[in-house]
């Protein structure tokens, strides 16, 4: 399983994929509070689908915004931290 944080035209969607097929998703409407909402919403998506954190092999970001756009930087920071924790368990 993997999670993609998709940012397109300032809309944020957290997508849960299994074998590259969309299983579930959640939209975050308010981008200005992304730093407060992103991890809890990822956790909610994982719990809703009765998964464990260990079931998520990858968290990635797909953004149409530049890397210096704050929303993209927040999403990439979460994805990088997730990957670091997963590799250093």
N, C-alpha and C. Protein backbone atom coordinates (compact mmCIF):
# COMPACT_ATOMS: atom_id res chain seq x y z
N UNK A 1 0.85 -1.18 0.00
CA UNK A 1 0.00 0.00 0.00
C UNK A 1 0.89 1.24 0.00
N UNK A 2 0.39 2.26 -0.64
CA UNK A 2 1.11 3.53 -0.59
C UNK A 2 0.13 4.68 -0.52
N UNK A 3 0.63 5.81 -0.07
CA UNK A 3 -0.18 7.02 0.04
C UNK A 3 0.46 8.08 -0.84
N UNK A 4 -0.38 8.71 -1.64
CA UNK A 4 0.05 9.82 -2.48
C UNK A 4 -0.65 11.08 -1.97
N UNK A 5 0.12 12.11 -1.72
CA UNK A 5 -0.44 13.41 -1.38
C UNK A 5 -0.43 14.20 -2.68
N UNK A 6 -1.61 14.36 -3.26
CA UNK A 6 -1.72 15.02 -4.57
C UNK A 6 -2.18 16.46 -4.37
N UNK A 7 -1.39 17.38 -4.91
CA UNK A 7 -1.71 18.80 -4.83
C UNK A 7 -1.88 19.29 -6.27
N UNK A 8 -3.11 19.67 -6.57
CA UNK A 8 -3.39 20.11 -7.93
C UNK A 8 -4.32 21.32 -7.85
N UNK A 9 -3.87 22.41 -8.44
CA UNK A 9 -4.62 23.66 -8.44
C UNK A 9 -5.05 24.04 -7.02
N UNK A 10 -4.10 23.91 -6.09
CA UNK A 10 -4.28 24.27 -4.68
C UNK A 10 -5.30 23.39 -3.95
N UNK A 11 -5.67 22.27 -4.53
CA UNK A 11 -6.54 21.29 -3.88
C UNK A 11 -5.67 20.13 -3.43
N UNK A 12 -5.93 19.64 -2.23
CA UNK A 12 -5.10 18.59 -1.65
C UNK A 12 -5.94 17.33 -1.49
N UNK A 13 -5.44 16.23 -2.02
CA UNK A 13 -6.10 14.94 -1.91
C UNK A 13 -5.09 13.92 -1.40
N UNK A 14 -5.47 13.18 -0.38
CA UNK A 14 -4.65 12.09 0.15
C UNK A 14 -5.25 10.82 -0.44
N UNK A 15 -4.44 10.09 -1.21
CA UNK A 15 -4.93 8.92 -1.93
C UNK A 15 -4.24 7.67 -1.40
N UNK A 16 -5.03 6.66 -1.09
CA UNK A 16 -4.52 5.37 -0.68
C UNK A 16 -4.53 4.45 -1.89
N UNK A 17 -3.36 3.91 -2.23
CA UNK A 17 -3.23 3.05 -3.40
C UNK A 17 -2.81 1.64 -2.99
N UNK A 18 -3.36 0.68 -3.71
CA UNK A 18 -2.90 -0.71 -3.58
C UNK A 18 -2.68 -1.22 -4.99
N UNK A 19 -1.45 -1.64 -5.27
CA UNK A 19 -1.07 -2.09 -6.62
C UNK A 19 -1.40 -1.02 -7.66
N UNK A 20 -1.10 0.24 -7.31
CA UNK A 20 -1.28 1.41 -8.19
C UNK A 20 -2.73 1.71 -8.52
N UNK A 21 -3.67 1.11 -7.77
CA UNK A 21 -5.10 1.38 -7.95
C UNK A 21 -5.62 2.10 -6.72
N UNK A 22 -6.44 3.12 -6.95
CA UNK A 22 -6.99 3.90 -5.86
C UNK A 22 -7.97 3.07 -5.04
N UNK A 23 -7.71 2.99 -3.74
CA UNK A 23 -8.57 2.26 -2.81
C UNK A 23 -9.50 3.23 -2.09
N UNK A 24 -8.96 4.37 -1.68
CA UNK A 24 -9.72 5.36 -0.92
C UNK A 24 -9.00 6.69 -1.05
N UNK A 25 -9.69 7.76 -0.67
CA UNK A 25 -9.06 9.08 -0.69
C UNK A 25 -9.76 9.98 0.31
N UNK A 26 -9.10 11.08 0.61
CA UNK A 26 -9.68 12.11 1.46
C UNK A 26 -9.19 13.45 0.95
N UNK A 27 -10.09 14.41 0.83
CA UNK A 27 -9.72 15.76 0.40
C UNK A 27 -9.58 16.67 1.60
N UNK A 28 -8.54 17.49 1.56
CA UNK A 28 -8.35 18.54 2.57
C UNK A 28 -8.72 19.85 1.88
N UNK A 29 -9.72 20.50 2.41
CA UNK A 29 -10.26 21.69 1.76
C UNK A 29 -9.43 22.92 2.09
N UNK A 30 -9.01 23.06 3.32
CA UNK A 30 -8.33 24.27 3.76
C UNK A 30 -6.83 24.08 3.75
N UNK A 31 -6.16 24.61 2.75
CA UNK A 31 -4.72 24.43 2.64
C UNK A 31 -3.94 25.23 3.68
N UNK A 32 -4.54 26.25 4.25
CA UNK A 32 -3.81 27.10 5.20
C UNK A 32 -3.56 26.42 6.53
N UNK A 33 -4.24 25.33 6.79
CA UNK A 33 -4.00 24.60 8.04
C UNK A 33 -3.44 23.21 7.75
N UNK A 34 -2.80 23.06 6.61
CA UNK A 34 -2.29 21.75 6.19
C UNK A 34 -1.32 21.17 7.20
N UNK A 35 -0.46 21.99 7.78
CA UNK A 35 0.52 21.48 8.73
C UNK A 35 -0.15 20.87 9.95
N UNK A 36 -1.34 21.30 10.28
CA UNK A 36 -2.08 20.75 11.42
C UNK A 36 -2.94 19.56 11.02
N UNK A 37 -3.36 19.48 9.78
CA UNK A 37 -4.34 18.47 9.37
C UNK A 37 -3.76 17.27 8.64
N UNK A 38 -2.61 17.41 8.03
CA UNK A 38 -2.13 16.36 7.13
C UNK A 38 -1.90 15.02 7.83
N UNK A 39 -1.12 14.99 8.88
CA UNK A 39 -0.86 13.72 9.58
C UNK A 39 -2.13 13.13 10.19
N UNK A 40 -2.98 13.90 10.86
CA UNK A 40 -4.21 13.30 11.38
C UNK A 40 -5.12 12.74 10.29
N UNK A 41 -5.15 13.38 9.14
CA UNK A 41 -6.00 12.88 8.05
C UNK A 41 -5.41 11.62 7.42
N UNK A 42 -4.09 11.54 7.33
CA UNK A 42 -3.44 10.30 6.86
C UNK A 42 -3.77 9.17 7.84
N UNK A 43 -3.66 9.47 9.13
CA UNK A 43 -3.97 8.47 10.15
C UNK A 43 -5.43 8.03 10.05
N UNK A 44 -6.32 8.96 9.85
CA UNK A 44 -7.76 8.64 9.71
C UNK A 44 -8.00 7.73 8.51
N UNK A 45 -7.33 8.01 7.40
CA UNK A 45 -7.48 7.19 6.19
C UNK A 45 -6.96 5.77 6.44
N UNK A 46 -5.85 5.66 7.15
CA UNK A 46 -5.29 4.35 7.49
C UNK A 46 -6.24 3.58 8.40
N UNK A 47 -6.75 4.23 9.42
CA UNK A 47 -7.67 3.56 10.35
C UNK A 47 -8.98 3.18 9.68
N UNK A 48 -9.49 4.07 8.84
CA UNK A 48 -10.75 3.80 8.14
C UNK A 48 -10.65 2.52 7.30
N UNK A 49 -9.48 2.27 6.75
CA UNK A 49 -9.27 1.10 5.90
C UNK A 49 -8.69 -0.08 6.67
N UNK A 50 -8.72 0.03 8.00
CA UNK A 50 -8.28 -1.05 8.90
C UNK A 50 -6.84 -1.51 8.61
N UNK A 51 -5.98 -0.54 8.39
CA UNK A 51 -4.58 -0.82 8.12
C UNK A 51 -3.73 -0.46 9.33
N UNK A 52 -2.51 -0.93 9.32
CA UNK A 52 -1.52 -0.54 10.32
C UNK A 52 -0.50 0.36 9.63
N UNK A 53 0.20 1.13 10.40
CA UNK A 53 1.23 2.00 9.83
C UNK A 53 2.23 1.20 9.02
N UNK A 54 2.53 -0.01 9.46
CA UNK A 54 3.49 -0.86 8.78
C UNK A 54 3.02 -1.30 7.39
N UNK A 55 1.70 -1.21 7.15
CA UNK A 55 1.15 -1.61 5.85
C UNK A 55 1.46 -0.58 4.76
N UNK A 56 1.80 0.62 5.17
CA UNK A 56 2.08 1.69 4.21
C UNK A 56 3.56 1.65 3.86
N UNK A 57 3.85 1.25 2.64
CA UNK A 57 5.23 1.09 2.18
C UNK A 57 5.86 2.40 1.71
N UNK A 58 5.02 3.34 1.30
CA UNK A 58 5.57 4.56 0.72
C UNK A 58 4.56 5.69 0.87
N UNK A 59 5.08 6.89 1.11
CA UNK A 59 4.30 8.11 1.08
C UNK A 59 5.02 9.03 0.11
N UNK A 60 4.30 9.51 -0.90
CA UNK A 60 4.91 10.36 -1.92
C UNK A 60 4.02 11.57 -2.19
N UNK A 61 4.61 12.56 -2.84
CA UNK A 61 3.90 13.80 -3.16
C UNK A 61 3.88 13.97 -4.67
N UNK A 62 2.71 14.32 -5.19
CA UNK A 62 2.52 14.64 -6.60
C UNK A 62 1.91 16.04 -6.63
N UNK A 63 2.71 17.03 -7.01
CA UNK A 63 2.26 18.42 -6.93
C UNK A 63 2.48 19.15 -8.25
N UNK A 64 1.50 19.99 -8.60
CA UNK A 64 1.67 20.84 -9.77
C UNK A 64 2.20 22.22 -9.37
N UNK A 65 2.54 22.36 -8.08
CA UNK A 65 3.08 23.61 -7.56
C UNK A 65 4.60 23.53 -7.49
N UNK A 66 5.25 24.67 -7.48
CA UNK A 66 6.70 24.71 -7.34
C UNK A 66 7.12 24.22 -5.96
N UNK A 67 8.34 23.76 -5.85
CA UNK A 67 8.84 23.25 -4.57
C UNK A 67 8.90 24.31 -3.48
N UNK A 68 8.96 25.58 -3.84
CA UNK A 68 9.02 26.60 -2.81
C UNK A 68 7.62 27.04 -2.35
N UNK A 69 6.57 26.46 -2.91
CA UNK A 69 5.21 26.70 -2.47
C UNK A 69 5.02 26.01 -1.12
N UNK A 70 4.56 26.71 -0.12
CA UNK A 70 4.51 26.20 1.25
C UNK A 70 3.74 24.89 1.37
N UNK A 71 2.61 24.77 0.71
CA UNK A 71 1.82 23.54 0.78
C UNK A 71 2.63 22.35 0.30
N UNK A 72 3.35 22.52 -0.79
CA UNK A 72 4.18 21.43 -1.33
C UNK A 72 5.32 21.11 -0.36
N UNK A 73 5.92 22.11 0.21
CA UNK A 73 7.01 21.86 1.17
C UNK A 73 6.52 21.11 2.40
N UNK A 74 5.35 21.44 2.89
CA UNK A 74 4.78 20.73 4.05
C UNK A 74 4.53 19.27 3.68
N UNK A 75 3.90 19.04 2.53
CA UNK A 75 3.60 17.67 2.10
C UNK A 75 4.88 16.86 1.91
N UNK A 76 5.89 17.46 1.31
CA UNK A 76 7.16 16.74 1.09
C UNK A 76 7.87 16.46 2.41
N UNK A 77 7.77 17.37 3.36
CA UNK A 77 8.37 17.15 4.67
C UNK A 77 7.72 15.95 5.37
N UNK A 78 6.41 15.85 5.29
CA UNK A 78 5.70 14.72 5.89
C UNK A 78 6.11 13.43 5.19
N UNK A 79 6.14 13.43 3.86
CA UNK A 79 6.53 12.23 3.11
C UNK A 79 7.96 11.81 3.43
N UNK A 80 8.87 12.76 3.50
CA UNK A 80 10.27 12.45 3.81
C UNK A 80 10.42 11.91 5.23
N UNK A 81 9.71 12.50 6.17
CA UNK A 81 9.77 12.03 7.55
C UNK A 81 9.21 10.61 7.65
N UNK A 82 8.12 10.34 6.95
CA UNK A 82 7.52 9.00 6.95
C UNK A 82 8.53 7.98 6.43
N UNK A 83 9.17 8.30 5.32
CA UNK A 83 10.15 7.39 4.73
C UNK A 83 11.35 7.18 5.65
N UNK A 84 11.79 8.23 6.32
CA UNK A 84 12.92 8.12 7.23
C UNK A 84 12.58 7.18 8.39
N UNK A 85 11.40 7.37 8.97
CA UNK A 85 10.98 6.54 10.10
C UNK A 85 10.86 5.08 9.65
N UNK A 86 10.28 4.86 8.50
CA UNK A 86 10.08 3.50 8.00
C UNK A 86 11.42 2.80 7.78
N UNK A 87 12.41 3.50 7.28
CA UNK A 87 13.70 2.90 7.00
C UNK A 87 14.56 2.74 8.25
N UNK A 88 14.28 3.51 9.28
CA UNK A 88 15.13 3.49 10.47
C UNK A 88 14.45 2.86 11.69
N UNK A 89 13.49 2.02 11.45
CA UNK A 89 12.82 1.33 12.56
C UNK A 89 13.72 0.30 13.17
